[in-house]
C-alpha atoms as a PDB file:
ATOM      1  CA  UNK A   1      -2.576  -7.638  12.523  1.00  0.00           C
ATOM      2  CA  UNK A   2      -2.100 -10.718  14.664  1.00  0.00           C
ATOM      3  CA  UNK A   3      -2.848 -13.513  12.243  1.00  0.00           C
ATOM      4  CA  UNK A   4      -0.934 -16.349  10.617  1.00  0.00           C
ATOM      5  CA  UNK A   5      -2.124 -15.085   7.260  1.00  0.00           C
ATOM      6  CA  UNK A   6      -1.165 -11.409   7.713  1.00  0.00           C
ATOM      7  CA  UNK A   7       0.961 -10.690  10.699  1.00  0.00           C
ATOM      8  CA  UNK A   8       2.979 -11.365  13.772  1.00  0.00           C
ATOM      9  CA  UNK A   9       2.133 -15.064  14.402  1.00  0.00           C
ATOM     10  CA  UNK A  10       3.068 -16.040  10.851  1.00  0.00           C
ATOM     11  CA  UNK A  11       6.202 -13.908  10.995  1.00  0.00           C
ATOM     12  CA  UNK A  12       7.193 -15.375  14.359  1.00  0.00           C
ATOM     13  CA  UNK A  13       6.565 -18.947  13.223  1.00  0.00           C
ATOM     14  CA  UNK A  14       8.596 -18.447  10.034  1.00  0.00           C
ATOM     15  CA  UNK A  15      11.460 -16.803  11.927  1.00  0.00           C
ATOM     16  CA  UNK A  16      11.486 -19.587  14.525  1.00  0.00           C
ATOM     17  CA  UNK A  17      11.839 -22.138  11.734  1.00  0.00           C
ATOM     18  CA  UNK A  18      14.608 -20.046  10.133  1.00  0.00           C
ATOM     19  CA  UNK A  19      16.427 -19.760  13.478  1.00  0.00           C
ATOM     20  CA  UNK A  20      16.088 -23.507  14.003  1.00  0.00           C
ATOM     21  CA  UNK A  21      17.602 -24.091  10.549  1.00  0.00           C
ATOM     22  CA  UNK A  22      20.506 -21.726  11.369  1.00  0.00           C
ATOM     23  CA  UNK A  23      19.448 -19.182   8.760  1.00  0.00           C
ATOM     24  CA  UNK A  24      18.449 -16.429  11.189  1.00  0.00           C
ATOM     25  CA  UNK A  25      19.730 -15.329  14.579  1.00  0.00           C
ATOM     26  CA  UNK A  26      16.870 -15.753  17.071  1.00  0.00           C
ATOM     27  CA  UNK A  27      17.641 -12.412  18.735  1.00  0.00           C
ATOM     28  CA  UNK A  28      16.997 -10.544  15.495  1.00  0.00           C
ATOM     29  CA  UNK A  29      14.750  -7.479  15.881  1.00  0.00           C
ATOM     30  CA  UNK A  30      11.836  -8.806  13.828  1.00  0.00           C
ATOM     31  CA  UNK A  31      11.531 -11.918  15.947  1.00  0.00           C
ATOM     32  CA  UNK A  32      11.455  -9.952  19.201  1.00  0.00           C
ATOM     33  CA  UNK A  33       8.848  -7.578  17.819  1.00  0.00           C
ATOM     34  CA  UNK A  34       6.733 -10.516  16.662  1.00  0.00           C
ATOM     35  CA  UNK A  35       6.979 -12.107  20.134  1.00  0.00           C
ATOM     36  CA  UNK A  36       5.765  -8.874  21.717  1.00  0.00           C
ATOM     37  CA  UNK A  37       2.879  -8.595  19.264  1.00  0.00           C
ATOM     38  CA  UNK A  38       1.766 -12.220  19.691  1.00  0.00           C
ATOM     39  CA  UNK A  39       2.053 -12.472  23.469  1.00  0.00           C
ATOM     40  CA  UNK A  40       0.796  -8.978  24.350  1.00  0.00           C
ATOM     41  CA  UNK A  41      -2.114  -8.693  21.951  1.00  0.00           C
ATOM     42  CA  UNK A  42      -5.740  -7.840  22.526  1.00  0.00           C
ATOM     43  CA  UNK A  43      -7.378 -10.548  20.420  1.00  0.00           C
ATOM     44  CA  UNK A  44     -10.584 -10.132  18.526  1.00  0.00           C
ATOM     45  CA  UNK A  45     -13.312 -12.749  18.681  1.00  0.00           C
ATOM     46  CA  UNK A  46     -11.954 -15.015  15.991  1.00  0.00           C
ATOM     47  CA  UNK A  47     -11.236 -18.584  16.907  1.00  0.00           C
ATOM     48  CA  UNK A  48      -9.718 -20.105  13.788  1.00  0.00           C
ATOM     49  CA  UNK A  49      -6.133 -21.106  13.137  1.00  0.00           C
ATOM     50  CA  UNK A  50      -5.651 -18.651  10.281  1.00  0.00           C
ATOM     51  CA  UNK A  51      -6.506 -15.424  12.080  1.00  0.00           C
ATOM     52  CA  UNK A  52      -7.763 -16.236  15.549  1.00  0.00           C
ATOM     53  CA  UNK A  53      -7.105 -17.549  19.021  1.00  0.00           C
ATOM     54  CA  UNK A  54      -6.352 -21.128  17.925  1.00  0.00           C
ATOM     55  CA  UNK A  55      -3.539 -20.223  15.561  1.00  0.00           C
ATOM     56  CA  UNK A  56      -1.999 -17.756  17.966  1.00  0.00           C
ATOM     57  CA  UNK A  57      -2.045 -20.340  20.758  1.00  0.00           C
ATOM     58  CA  UNK A  58      -0.258 -22.833  18.519  1.00  0.00           C
ATOM     59  CA  UNK A  59       2.472 -20.302  17.691  1.00  0.00           C
ATOM     60  CA  UNK A  60       2.801 -19.226  21.324  1.00  0.00           C
ATOM     61  CA  UNK A  61       3.119 -22.849  22.430  1.00  0.00           C
ATOM     62  CA  UNK A  62       5.771 -23.585  19.801  1.00  0.00           C
ATOM     63  CA  UNK A  63       7.715 -20.494  20.846  1.00  0.00           C
ATOM     64  CA  UNK A  64       7.639 -21.464  24.526  1.00  0.00           C
ATOM     65  CA  UNK A  65       8.887 -24.964  23.729  1.00  0.00           C
ATOM     66  CA  UNK A  66      11.884 -23.489  21.912  1.00  0.00           C
ATOM     67  CA  UNK A  67      12.476 -20.459  24.153  1.00  0.00           C
ATOM     68  CA  UNK A  68      11.146 -21.043  27.700  1.00  0.00           C
ATOM     69  CA  UNK A  69      10.155 -17.853  29.503  1.00  0.00           C
ATOM     70  CA  UNK A  70       7.934 -17.811  32.606  1.00  0.00           C
ATOM     71  CA  UNK A  71       6.469 -14.347  32.009  1.00  0.00           C
ATOM     72  CA  UNK A  72       5.477 -15.333  28.471  1.00  0.00           C
ATOM     73  CA  UNK A  73       4.137 -18.684  29.740  1.00  0.00           C
ATOM     74  CA  UNK A  74       1.866 -16.738  32.098  1.00  0.00           C
ATOM     75  CA  UNK A  75       0.608 -14.656  29.157  1.00  0.00           C
ATOM     76  CA  UNK A  76       0.052 -17.840  27.127  1.00  0.00           C
ATOM     77  CA  UNK A  77      -1.964 -19.447  29.928  1.00  0.00           C
ATOM     78  CA  UNK A  78      -4.099 -16.317  30.363  1.00  0.00           C
ATOM     79  CA  UNK A  79      -4.671 -16.223  26.596  1.00  0.00           C
ATOM     80  CA  UNK A  80      -5.696 -19.913  26.636  1.00  0.00           C
ATOM     81  CA  UNK A  81      -8.168 -19.236  29.465  1.00  0.00           C
ATOM     82  CA  UNK A  82      -9.614 -16.294  27.569  1.00  0.00           C
ATOM     83  CA  UNK A  83     -10.031 -18.521  24.506  1.00  0.00           C
ATOM     84  CA  UNK A  84     -11.870 -21.152  26.552  1.00  0.00           C
ATOM     85  CA  UNK A  85     -14.256 -18.501  27.848  1.00  0.00           C
ATOM     86  CA  UNK A  86     -15.151 -17.490  24.301  1.00  0.00           C
ATOM     87  CA  UNK A  87     -15.925 -21.121  23.423  1.00  0.00           C
ATOM     88  CA  UNK A  88     -18.799 -21.245  25.900  1.00  0.00           C
ATOM     89  CA  UNK A  89     -21.059 -19.319  23.539  1.00  0.00           C
ATOM     90  CA  UNK A  90     -21.072 -19.941  19.784  1.00  0.00           C
ATOM     91  CA  UNK A  91     -22.333 -16.372  19.297  1.00  0.00           C
ATOM     92  CA  UNK A  92     -18.817 -15.202  20.143  1.00  0.00           C
ATOM     93  CA  UNK A  93     -17.626 -16.453  16.745  1.00  0.00           C
ATOM     94  CA  UNK A  94     -18.653 -15.421  13.279  1.00  0.00           C
ATOM     95  CA  UNK A  95     -20.942 -17.773  11.377  1.00  0.00           C
ATOM     96  CA  UNK A  96     -18.109 -18.128   8.853  1.00  0.00           C
ATOM     97  CA  UNK A  97     -16.011 -19.864  11.510  1.00  0.00           C
ATOM     98  CA  UNK A  98     -18.675 -21.711  13.463  1.00  0.00           C
ATOM     99  CA  UNK A  99     -20.409 -23.326  10.477  1.00  0.00           C
ATOM    100  CA  UNK A 100     -17.247 -23.751   8.419  1.00  0.00           C
ATOM    101  CA  UNK A 101     -15.797 -27.294   8.594  1.00  0.00           C
ATOM    102  CA  UNK A 102     -12.398 -26.300   7.152  1.00  0.00           C
ATOM    103  CA  UNK A 103      -9.133 -26.601   9.035  1.00  0.00           C
ATOM    104  CA  UNK A 104      -7.516 -23.158   8.703  1.00  0.00           C
ATOM    105  CA  UNK A 105     -10.603 -20.955   8.905  1.00  0.00           C
ATOM    106  CA  UNK A 106     -13.228 -23.122  10.552  1.00  0.00           C
ATOM    107  CA  UNK A 107     -14.366 -25.185  13.468  1.00  0.00           C
ATOM    108  CA  UNK A 108     -12.249 -28.263  12.620  1.00  0.00           C
ATOM    109  CA  UNK A 109      -9.026 -26.319  13.059  1.00  0.00           C
ATOM    110  CA  UNK A 110     -10.271 -24.828  16.310  1.00  0.00           C
ATOM    111  CA  UNK A 111     -10.950 -28.323  17.618  1.00  0.00           C
ATOM    112  CA  UNK A 112      -7.574 -29.633  16.477  1.00  0.00           C
ATOM    113  CA  UNK A 113      -5.776 -26.704  18.113  1.00  0.00           C
ATOM    114  CA  UNK A 114      -7.636 -27.309  21.374  1.00  0.00           C
ATOM    115  CA  UNK A 115      -6.546 -30.936  21.385  1.00  0.00           C
ATOM    116  CA  UNK A 116      -2.947 -30.003  20.655  1.00  0.00           C
ATOM    117  CA  UNK A 117      -2.755 -27.137  23.136  1.00  0.00           C
ATOM    118  CA  UNK A 118      -4.548 -28.770  26.075  1.00  0.00           C
ATOM    119  CA  UNK A 119      -3.841 -32.489  25.742  1.00  0.00           C
ATOM    120  CA  UNK A 120      -0.576 -32.979  23.862  1.00  0.00           C
ATOM    121  CA  UNK A 121       2.388 -33.363  26.213  1.00  0.00           C
END
């Protein structure tokens, strides 16, 4: 699964923090596998931070800041474009996300991630 709550993005984010703290070598197998899973996924139509596009974009962006890679940047940009296309129609998201005002599993988090990903320098 490619979700913060149960999968590769959460694993990658945790391992990046551990590598930054000097606890884990950033070339460790689990981190590479998580990178592959996050950047080469076929996402479902979830938008939220917890288990959707928004959260995965945040993790991808953080990874690219720490470990620049042009091929992965291209994947990130394609993923961001795909996310924007899903935003055009609210029917692309579940009612649980669209009508939910919460940060991790709802529309507020999606909005915050969009601001961070597309406007933060």
